[in-house]
Amino acid sequence: MSERPPISPRSPRAALEPEQVPPPPKRSDRARNPLVIAGNAIITIILVAMIGTGGVYVYGKQKIEAPGPLQEDKVVNIPARAGMTDIADILQREGVIDNNRWAFIGSVFALKARADLKPGEYSFQRNASLRDVIGTIVEGKVVQHSVTIPEGLTSEQIVARLTENDIFSGPIREVPREGTLLPETYKFPRGTTRDQVIQRMQQSQKRVLTEIWERRNADVPVKTPEQLVTLASIVEKETGKADERSRVAAVFVNRLRQKMKLQSDPTIIYGLVGGKGTLGRPIKRSEIQQPSPYNTYIVDGLPPGPIANPGRASLEATANPARTRDLFFVADGSGGHAFTETYDQHQKNVAKLRTMEKSIQNDTVEPADDAQSAAAATPADANAATGTTPPTKPAPPKKPRAAAPPAARQGAAQSVTTPPPVVQQ
């Protein structure tokens, strides 16, 4: 057994006195070194900064990615030369961001996007976060507006449409050459200059024309891509039905092969009004034989240039027309045309159309109350327009007014149509 130390008796007073606490150890000279003290302070500051930065990062990340206040998709225009604070004000005013614009500004700095903010018209989605909003602006995802240019318009008419469209900016320095623009649906951002639109349409036309010219039927009697565009523009103006284009093209191709005049009414109109495109009335008899470089009742072969801007479909149809022997076509009264190989059959189709027109007039016009009204309804102008409809109430002994004598109108597109006549294209 181990020995225990002997117990020394203490007086009651000594037992009540607390034992003396040993003094604290002395700090070493190293702990009192100023470098150590400074180092400890720096470490403390760094730790506090790290904790604070982490907190700010977590808060900022939540703020940047939190859903925004926008209740529905909205298009907002950011003008050119708008600064970061200007953009913040615009977005706040439009309700894209909340009232704390400094959150947007801080997010721009956090994402290092200040130098990449771009002007333009942007579409922001419902509840778009700050990250989404800034990303849309940085990536330049501007709204694209669809602009459709119909087939068959002249260059002057296309320029007028672009001038009236407030999506575009700037003037058009000059009207492009006829047939050099491709009618199509394009997409442009707001503010695109009108000259840029023209350039894009010209580039598209060159590209499409080159592709079609390479795939053309070698038997088509056109020598250059420009002649193909000229013939396609006539086809474009003669019919708006997709399933007729190749057959209409075949009629004109067959006529060119047989050295026949094309005799197309739209060429007469272009010779009279040029780029305006629309005569505003039917063609008069006197105008059918009126000399003009574009009047294919007078000139042989193709006119000197296009009479409109044909679309891709008409270019394709002209480069690869249907294989037929048709030389004539006339309106069939239902929106299409009747095609024939011989003039005799063509005249029969013309007679059918005249009978149909007369029947329509008799079914839709009420009889005049007296002889004076009947007389007023008879034709007053001997120079009747091509394709003019019969008088409102023809007198019984009179026949419906013919557009022109058969000998003068043996063309491919004899414009005797139901109202309005084809010549109004």
Protein backbone atom coordinates (compact mmCIF):
# COMPACT_ATOMS: atom_id res chain seq x y z
CA MET A 1 0.00 0.00 0.00
CA SER A 2 1.07 3.52 -0.80
CA GLU A 3 1.77 5.80 2.02
CA ARG A 4 -0.40 8.83 2.52
CA PRO A 5 1.08 12.12 3.62
CA PRO A 6 0.46 12.87 7.22
CA ILE A 7 -2.39 15.18 8.01
CA SER A 8 -1.25 18.30 9.73
CA PRO A 9 -3.88 19.83 11.94
CA ARG A 10 -5.00 23.40 11.11
CA SER A 11 -6.65 25.88 13.33
CA PRO A 12 -10.27 26.78 12.64
CA ARG A 13 -9.24 30.28 11.55
CA ALA A 14 -6.66 28.97 9.11
CA ALA A 15 -9.16 26.54 7.68
CA LEU A 16 -11.54 29.40 6.89
CA GLU A 17 -8.93 31.41 5.02
CA PRO A 18 -8.88 30.81 1.18
CA GLU A 19 -5.89 29.24 -0.26
CA GLN A 20 -3.57 31.63 -2.08
CA VAL A 21 -4.07 31.55 -5.88
CA PRO A 22 -0.88 31.18 -7.82
CA PRO A 23 0.03 34.24 -9.93
CA PRO A 24 -0.68 34.13 -13.73
CA PRO A 25 2.19 33.11 -15.90
CA LYS A 26 4.15 35.92 -17.40
CA ARG A 27 3.66 36.65 -21.14
CA SER A 28 6.60 35.78 -23.19
CA ASP A 29 8.57 38.44 -24.91
CA ARG A 30 7.48 36.94 -28.28
CA ALA A 31 3.79 37.50 -27.57
CA ARG A 32 4.54 41.13 -26.79
CA ASN A 33 6.31 41.58 -30.13
CA PRO A 34 4.59 44.33 -32.26
CA LEU A 35 4.84 42.21 -35.40
CA VAL A 36 2.94 39.41 -33.74
CA ILE A 37 0.27 41.83 -32.56
CA ALA A 38 -0.04 43.33 -36.08
CA GLY A 39 -0.18 39.89 -37.61
CA ASN A 40 -2.98 38.83 -35.29
CA ALA A 41 -4.89 41.98 -36.15
CA ILE A 42 -4.50 41.37 -39.87
CA ILE A 43 -5.65 37.80 -39.56
CA THR A 44 -8.68 38.94 -37.58
CA ILE A 45 -9.52 41.54 -40.21
CA ILE A 46 -9.14 39.00 -42.99
CA LEU A 47 -11.41 36.56 -41.22
CA VAL A 48 -14.05 39.23 -40.65
CA ALA A 49 -13.73 40.36 -44.28
CA MET A 50 -14.10 36.79 -45.53
CA ILE A 51 -17.16 36.25 -43.41
CA GLY A 52 -18.61 39.59 -44.62
CA THR A 53 -17.74 38.86 -48.23
CA GLY A 54 -19.35 35.47 -48.00
CA GLY A 55 -22.47 37.04 -46.58
CA VAL A 56 -22.55 39.69 -49.29
CA TYR A 57 -21.96 37.02 -51.94
CA VAL A 58 -24.81 34.88 -50.68
CA TYR A 59 -27.12 37.90 -50.46
CA GLY A 60 -26.04 39.20 -53.88
CA LYS A 61 -26.48 35.82 -55.53
CA GLN A 62 -29.97 35.53 -54.13
CA LYS A 63 -30.76 39.09 -55.21
CA ILE A 64 -29.43 38.62 -58.76
CA GLU A 65 -31.28 35.37 -59.31
CA ALA A 66 -34.50 36.25 -57.50
CA PRO A 67 -37.63 36.63 -59.72
CA GLY A 68 -38.18 40.22 -60.81
CA PRO A 69 -41.32 42.35 -60.43
CA LEU A 70 -42.42 42.19 -64.10
CA GLN A 71 -45.94 40.76 -64.26
CA GLU A 72 -45.98 40.01 -68.00
CA ASP A 73 -43.61 40.02 -70.96
CA LYS A 74 -42.68 43.54 -71.98
CA VAL A 75 -40.74 45.25 -74.75
CA VAL A 76 -38.49 48.11 -73.62
CA ASN A 77 -36.45 50.38 -75.85
CA ILE A 78 -33.01 51.42 -74.59
CA PRO A 79 -31.82 54.38 -76.66
CA ALA A 80 -28.33 54.78 -78.03
CA ARG A 81 -25.72 56.34 -75.76
CA ALA A 82 -27.71 55.45 -72.62
CA GLY A 83 -25.38 54.95 -69.65
CA MET A 84 -25.66 52.37 -66.89
CA THR A 85 -27.64 54.65 -64.59
CA ASP A 86 -29.87 55.72 -67.50
CA ILE A 87 -30.61 52.08 -68.27
CA ALA A 88 -31.37 51.44 -64.58
CA ASP A 89 -33.82 54.36 -64.57
CA ILE A 90 -35.56 53.12 -67.74
CA LEU A 91 -35.86 49.57 -66.44
CA GLN A 92 -37.16 50.81 -63.09
CA ARG A 93 -39.70 53.08 -64.77
CA GLU A 94 -40.93 50.23 -67.00
CA GLY A 95 -41.26 47.87 -64.02
CA VAL A 96 -38.60 45.44 -65.20
CA ILE A 97 -36.59 45.90 -61.98
CA ASP A 98 -37.77 46.94 -58.52
CA ASN A 99 -37.39 50.38 -56.99
CA ASN A 100 -33.85 49.67 -55.80
CA ARG A 101 -31.92 50.63 -58.92
CA TRP A 102 -28.66 50.25 -56.99
CA ALA A 103 -29.23 46.53 -56.96
CA PHE A 104 -29.14 46.63 -60.78
CA ILE A 105 -26.02 48.79 -60.80
CA GLY A 106 -24.32 46.52 -58.27
CA SER A 107 -25.28 43.47 -60.29
CA VAL A 108 -23.78 45.02 -63.43
CA PHE A 109 -20.51 45.52 -61.60
CA ALA A 110 -20.67 42.05 -60.07
CA LEU A 111 -21.17 40.48 -63.49
CA LYS A 112 -18.49 42.73 -65.03
CA ALA A 113 -20.99 43.83 -67.70
CA ARG A 114 -20.74 47.59 -67.59
CA ALA A 115 -18.82 47.88 -70.87
CA ASP A 116 -21.05 45.36 -72.64
CA LEU A 117 -24.47 46.99 -72.18
CA LYS A 118 -25.95 47.60 -75.65
CA PRO A 119 -28.79 49.88 -76.79
CA GLY A 120 -31.77 48.41 -78.61
CA GLU A 121 -35.33 47.17 -78.27
CA TYR A 122 -35.51 44.24 -75.87
CA SER A 123 -38.24 41.84 -74.85
CA PHE A 124 -38.04 40.93 -71.15
CA GLN A 125 -39.92 37.89 -69.92
CA ARG A 126 -42.29 37.83 -67.00
CA ASN A 127 -40.48 37.77 -63.61
CA ALA A 128 -37.11 38.12 -65.32
CA SER A 129 -34.31 38.15 -62.74
CA LEU A 130 -31.53 40.73 -62.72
CA ARG A 131 -29.21 38.14 -64.23
CA ASP A 132 -31.70 37.52 -67.04
CA VAL A 133 -32.22 41.23 -67.66
CA ILE A 134 -28.51 42.02 -67.77
CA GLY A 135 -27.80 38.94 -69.89
CA THR A 136 -30.41 39.95 -72.45
CA ILE A 137 -28.89 43.42 -72.80
CA VAL A 138 -25.29 42.20 -72.87
CA GLU A 139 -26.02 39.57 -75.54
CA GLY A 140 -27.89 42.12 -77.66
CA LYS A 141 -31.03 39.98 -78.00
CA VAL A 142 -33.00 42.78 -79.63
CA VAL A 143 -36.57 42.32 -80.86
CA GLN A 144 -36.78 41.26 -84.51
CA HIS A 145 -39.71 42.74 -86.45
CA SER A 146 -41.13 40.76 -89.37
CA VAL A 147 -41.56 42.80 -92.55
CA THR A 148 -43.26 41.20 -95.56
CA ILE A 149 -42.70 42.58 -99.06
CA PRO A 150 -45.32 41.10 -101.43
CA GLU A 151 -44.34 39.69 -104.80
CA GLY A 152 -44.97 41.76 -107.90
CA LEU A 153 -44.37 45.24 -106.48
CA THR A 154 -42.18 47.66 -108.39
CA SER A 155 -39.04 49.04 -106.78
CA GLU A 156 -40.76 52.40 -106.40
CA GLN A 157 -43.68 50.79 -104.56
CA ILE A 158 -41.30 48.88 -102.26
CA VAL A 159 -39.40 52.08 -101.45
CA ALA A 160 -42.72 53.75 -100.58
CA ARG A 161 -43.59 50.92 -98.19
CA LEU A 162 -40.23 51.08 -96.46
CA THR A 163 -40.51 54.85 -96.15
CA GLU A 164 -43.89 54.56 -94.43
CA ASN A 165 -42.67 51.92 -91.96
CA ASP A 166 -41.55 53.61 -88.71
CA ILE A 167 -39.46 50.60 -87.67
CA PHE A 168 -36.73 51.80 -90.01
CA SER A 169 -34.64 54.93 -89.94
CA GLY A 170 -32.90 57.16 -92.46
CA PRO A 171 -33.75 57.97 -96.06
CA ILE A 172 -33.29 55.84 -99.18
CA ARG A 173 -30.76 57.56 -101.38
CA GLU A 174 -32.07 56.21 -104.69
CA VAL A 175 -34.71 53.83 -106.00
CA PRO A 176 -33.08 50.47 -106.86
CA ARG A 177 -33.19 49.14 -110.39
CA GLU A 178 -36.37 47.25 -111.22
CA GLY A 179 -36.19 43.54 -110.50
CA THR A 180 -33.16 43.70 -108.18
CA LEU A 181 -35.11 43.24 -104.93
CA LEU A 182 -36.36 39.91 -103.61
CA PRO A 183 -39.90 40.04 -102.19
CA GLU A 184 -39.93 37.97 -99.03
CA THR A 185 -40.53 38.12 -95.27
CA TYR A 186 -37.53 39.60 -93.50
CA LYS A 187 -36.74 40.28 -89.85
CA PHE A 188 -35.09 43.51 -88.76
CA PRO A 189 -34.43 45.18 -85.40
CA ARG A 190 -35.95 48.60 -84.83
CA GLY A 191 -33.72 51.39 -86.04
CA THR A 192 -32.29 49.52 -89.05
CA THR A 193 -31.59 52.04 -91.80
CA ARG A 194 -33.67 51.80 -94.94
CA ASP A 195 -30.53 51.61 -97.07
CA GLN A 196 -29.50 48.52 -95.08
CA VAL A 197 -32.91 46.96 -95.81
CA ILE A 198 -32.47 47.63 -99.53
CA GLN A 199 -28.97 46.14 -99.49
CA ARG A 200 -30.20 42.99 -97.78
CA MET A 201 -33.03 42.56 -100.29
CA GLN A 202 -30.58 43.02 -103.16
CA GLN A 203 -28.16 40.49 -101.69
CA SER A 204 -30.98 37.98 -101.21
CA GLN A 205 -32.10 38.49 -104.83
CA LYS A 206 -28.58 37.90 -106.16
CA ARG A 207 -28.19 34.74 -104.09
CA VAL A 208 -31.57 33.28 -105.09
CA LEU A 209 -31.17 34.25 -108.76
CA THR A 210 -27.75 32.58 -108.91
CA GLU A 211 -29.14 29.36 -107.43
CA ILE A 212 -32.13 29.29 -109.79
CA TRP A 213 -30.09 30.19 -112.85
CA GLU A 214 -27.79 27.23 -112.23
CA ARG A 215 -30.80 24.87 -112.04
CA ARG A 216 -32.68 26.31 -115.02
CA ASN A 217 -33.95 24.29 -117.97
CA ALA A 218 -31.43 24.89 -120.76
CA ASP A 219 -34.25 24.98 -123.33
CA VAL A 220 -35.75 28.18 -121.90
CA PRO A 221 -35.02 30.90 -124.51
CA VAL A 222 -33.39 33.43 -122.18
CA LYS A 223 -29.70 34.20 -122.44
CA THR A 224 -28.92 35.94 -119.17
CA PRO A 225 -30.13 35.95 -115.56
CA GLU A 226 -31.43 39.49 -116.18
CA GLN A 227 -33.67 38.22 -119.00
CA LEU A 228 -34.92 35.48 -116.69
CA VAL A 229 -35.91 38.15 -114.14
CA THR A 230 -37.68 40.16 -116.88
CA LEU A 231 -39.75 37.17 -118.02
CA ALA A 232 -40.45 36.13 -114.41
CA SER A 233 -41.75 39.63 -113.65
CA ILE A 234 -44.32 39.27 -116.44
CA VAL A 235 -45.34 35.86 -115.09
CA GLU A 236 -45.63 37.38 -111.61
CA LYS A 237 -47.99 40.10 -112.82
CA GLU A 238 -50.14 37.76 -114.90
CA THR A 239 -51.19 35.36 -112.14
CA GLY A 240 -51.26 35.19 -108.39
CA LYS A 241 -52.10 31.48 -108.22
CA ALA A 242 -49.22 29.27 -107.24
CA ASP A 243 -50.37 26.30 -109.32
CA GLU A 244 -50.59 28.41 -112.49
CA ARG A 245 -47.18 30.05 -112.52
CA SER A 246 -45.31 27.30 -114.36
CA ARG A 247 -48.07 27.03 -116.97
CA VAL A 248 -48.25 30.77 -117.53
CA ALA A 249 -44.48 30.74 -117.89
CA ALA A 250 -44.81 27.94 -120.44
CA VAL A 251 -47.17 30.06 -122.56
CA PHE A 252 -44.65 32.90 -122.78
CA VAL A 253 -41.74 30.52 -123.35
CA ASN A 254 -43.64 28.85 -126.20
CA ARG A 255 -44.36 32.24 -127.72
CA LEU A 256 -40.72 33.25 -127.55
CA ARG A 257 -39.71 30.02 -129.27
CA GLN A 258 -42.21 30.62 -132.09
CA LYS A 259 -41.20 34.30 -132.45
CA MET A 260 -44.69 35.41 -131.40
CA LYS A 261 -45.28 38.65 -129.53
CA LEU A 262 -45.86 38.10 -125.83
CA GLN A 263 -48.87 40.47 -125.77
CA SER A 264 -49.05 40.84 -122.01
CA ASP A 265 -51.26 43.61 -120.63
CA PRO A 266 -49.09 44.33 -117.54
CA THR A 267 -46.28 45.39 -119.88
CA ILE A 268 -48.59 48.01 -121.39
CA ILE A 269 -49.34 49.35 -117.93
CA TYR A 270 -45.67 49.56 -117.02
CA GLY A 271 -44.96 51.42 -120.22
CA LEU A 272 -47.67 53.94 -119.28
CA VAL A 273 -46.97 54.51 -115.56
CA GLY A 274 -43.53 53.06 -114.95
CA GLY A 275 -42.64 52.33 -111.34
CA LYS A 276 -45.98 53.53 -110.01
CA GLY A 277 -47.19 50.06 -110.96
CA THR A 278 -50.92 50.70 -111.07
CA LEU A 279 -52.83 52.43 -113.84
CA GLY A 280 -55.91 52.99 -111.68
CA ARG A 281 -58.27 52.13 -114.52
CA PRO A 282 -58.60 49.55 -117.32
CA ILE A 283 -56.44 49.83 -120.42
CA LYS A 284 -58.00 51.75 -123.30
CA ARG A 285 -58.09 50.37 -126.81
CA SER A 286 -55.96 53.22 -128.03
CA GLU A 287 -53.25 52.29 -125.49
CA ILE A 288 -52.95 48.72 -126.73
CA GLN A 289 -51.17 49.89 -129.88
CA GLN A 290 -49.47 52.88 -128.25
CA PRO A 291 -45.71 52.67 -128.92
CA SER A 292 -43.61 51.92 -125.87
CA PRO A 293 -40.41 49.91 -125.28
CA TYR A 294 -42.40 47.85 -122.75
CA ASN A 295 -45.55 47.27 -124.83
CA THR A 296 -45.26 43.62 -125.83
CA TYR A 297 -48.14 44.06 -128.27
CA ILE A 298 -45.70 46.21 -130.27
CA VAL A 299 -42.16 45.02 -129.47
CA ASP A 300 -40.84 41.59 -130.34
CA GLY A 301 -39.59 39.35 -127.58
CA LEU A 302 -38.93 40.61 -124.08
CA PRO A 303 -39.21 44.22 -122.94
CA PRO A 304 -35.94 46.02 -122.10
CA GLY A 305 -36.18 45.16 -118.40
CA PRO A 306 -38.39 43.80 -115.60
CA ILE A 307 -41.78 45.35 -114.93
CA ALA A 308 -41.78 44.40 -111.23
CA ASN A 309 -39.81 42.45 -108.64
CA PRO A 310 -40.71 38.77 -109.03
CA GLY A 311 -40.65 36.39 -106.09
CA ARG A 312 -38.76 33.15 -105.75
CA ALA A 313 -41.73 31.06 -106.96
CA SER A 314 -42.09 32.99 -110.22
CA LEU A 315 -38.35 32.81 -110.85
CA GLU A 316 -38.45 29.06 -110.29
CA ALA A 317 -41.48 28.65 -112.57
CA THR A 318 -39.87 30.69 -115.34
CA ALA A 319 -36.58 28.82 -115.13
CA ASN A 320 -38.40 25.47 -115.24
CA PRO A 321 -41.78 26.00 -116.95
CA ALA A 322 -44.41 23.32 -117.48
CA ARG A 323 -44.07 21.15 -120.58
CA THR A 324 -47.10 22.25 -122.57
CA ARG A 325 -47.90 23.62 -126.04
CA ASP A 326 -50.21 26.31 -124.74
CA LEU A 327 -50.06 29.67 -126.51
CA PHE A 328 -53.11 31.43 -125.02
CA PHE A 329 -54.83 31.87 -121.68
CA VAL A 330 -57.83 33.84 -120.50
CA ALA A 331 -59.61 34.22 -117.18
CA ASP A 332 -62.03 31.39 -116.46
CA GLY A 333 -64.30 33.39 -114.17
CA SER A 334 -63.27 31.54 -111.00
CA GLY A 335 -60.03 33.34 -110.24
CA GLY A 336 -57.88 31.19 -112.52
CA HIS A 337 -57.22 30.94 -116.23
CA ALA A 338 -58.18 28.66 -119.12
CA PHE A 339 -55.20 27.64 -121.25
CA THR A 340 -55.36 26.60 -124.92
CA GLU A 341 -53.03 25.69 -127.75
CA THR A 342 -55.13 27.15 -130.58
CA TYR A 343 -56.64 30.55 -131.18
CA ASP A 344 -60.05 29.06 -132.08
CA GLN A 345 -60.36 27.32 -128.72
CA HIS A 346 -59.12 30.49 -127.05
CA GLN A 347 -61.93 32.45 -128.64
CA LYS A 348 -64.45 29.92 -127.36
CA ASN A 349 -63.08 30.42 -123.83
CA VAL A 350 -63.39 34.18 -124.31
CA ALA A 351 -67.04 33.74 -125.36
CA LYS A 352 -67.73 31.62 -122.27
CA LEU A 353 -66.28 34.34 -120.07
CA ARG A 354 -68.38 37.02 -121.78
CA THR A 355 -71.52 34.96 -121.27
CA MET A 356 -70.62 34.46 -117.61
CA GLU A 357 -70.01 38.19 -117.14
CA LYS A 358 -73.35 39.02 -118.77
CA SER A 359 -75.15 36.50 -116.55
CA ILE A 360 -73.57 38.00 -113.44
CA GLN A 361 -74.62 41.47 -114.51
CA ASN A 362 -78.19 40.36 -115.13
CA ASP A 363 -78.35 38.64 -111.73
CA THR A 364 -76.96 41.52 -109.72
CA VAL A 365 -78.30 44.70 -111.40
CA GLU A 366 -81.93 45.75 -110.94
CA PRO A 367 -83.86 46.96 -114.05
CA ALA A 368 -83.96 50.70 -114.60
CA ASP A 369 -87.20 52.43 -113.69
CA ASP A 370 -87.52 54.41 -116.91
CA ALA A 371 -86.01 54.89 -120.31
CA GLN A 372 -83.85 57.74 -119.07
CA SER A 373 -82.14 55.51 -116.51
CA ALA A 374 -81.59 52.84 -119.12
CA ALA A 375 -80.02 55.35 -121.47
CA ALA A 376 -77.74 56.63 -118.74
CA ALA A 377 -76.51 53.11 -118.12
CA THR A 378 -75.35 52.52 -121.71
CA PRO A 379 -71.66 52.92 -122.53
CA ALA A 380 -70.59 56.48 -123.15
CA ASP A 381 -66.97 56.02 -124.20
CA ALA A 382 -66.21 54.35 -127.49
CA ASN A 383 -62.62 53.88 -126.35
CA ALA A 384 -63.59 51.18 -123.87
CA ALA A 385 -60.87 49.95 -121.56
CA THR A 386 -59.37 46.54 -121.96
CA GLY A 387 -61.21 44.11 -119.80
CA THR A 388 -63.89 46.62 -118.94
CA THR A 389 -67.00 45.01 -117.50
CA PRO A 390 -70.28 45.33 -119.37
CA PRO A 391 -72.39 48.44 -118.67
CA THR A 392 -74.44 48.55 -115.52
CA LYS A 393 -77.66 47.84 -117.47
CA PRO A 394 -77.00 46.98 -121.10
CA ALA A 395 -79.77 47.83 -123.53
CA PRO A 396 -81.40 44.64 -124.86
CA PRO A 397 -80.28 44.97 -128.47
CA LYS A 398 -76.66 45.71 -127.55
CA LYS A 399 -73.99 43.12 -126.84
CA PRO A 400 -71.59 43.40 -123.93
CA ARG A 401 -68.73 45.67 -124.82
CA ALA A 402 -65.68 43.77 -126.04
CA ALA A 403 -62.28 44.78 -124.81
CA ALA A 404 -60.86 44.88 -128.33
CA PRO A 405 -61.45 43.31 -131.72
CA PRO A 406 -60.22 39.71 -131.89
CA ALA A 407 -57.66 40.58 -134.54
CA ALA A 408 -56.06 43.09 -132.20
CA ARG A 409 -56.10 40.89 -129.09
CA GLN A 410 -54.65 37.51 -129.96
CA GLY A 411 -52.16 37.66 -127.16
CA ALA A 412 -51.27 35.20 -124.49
CA ALA A 413 -53.06 37.07 -121.76
CA GLN A 414 -56.18 38.46 -123.37
CA SER A 415 -57.43 40.45 -120.43
CA VAL A 416 -61.09 39.72 -120.56
CA THR A 417 -61.67 38.82 -116.95
CA THR A 418 -64.35 39.11 -114.40
CA PRO A 419 -64.24 42.40 -112.48
CA PRO A 420 -61.66 43.61 -111.63
CA PRO A 421 -59.79 42.84 -114.87
CA VAL A 422 -56.33 41.34 -114.91
CA VAL A 423 -54.93 44.59 -116.29
CA GLN A 424 -55.50 46.15 -112.86
CA GLN A 425 -52.64 44.10 -111.35
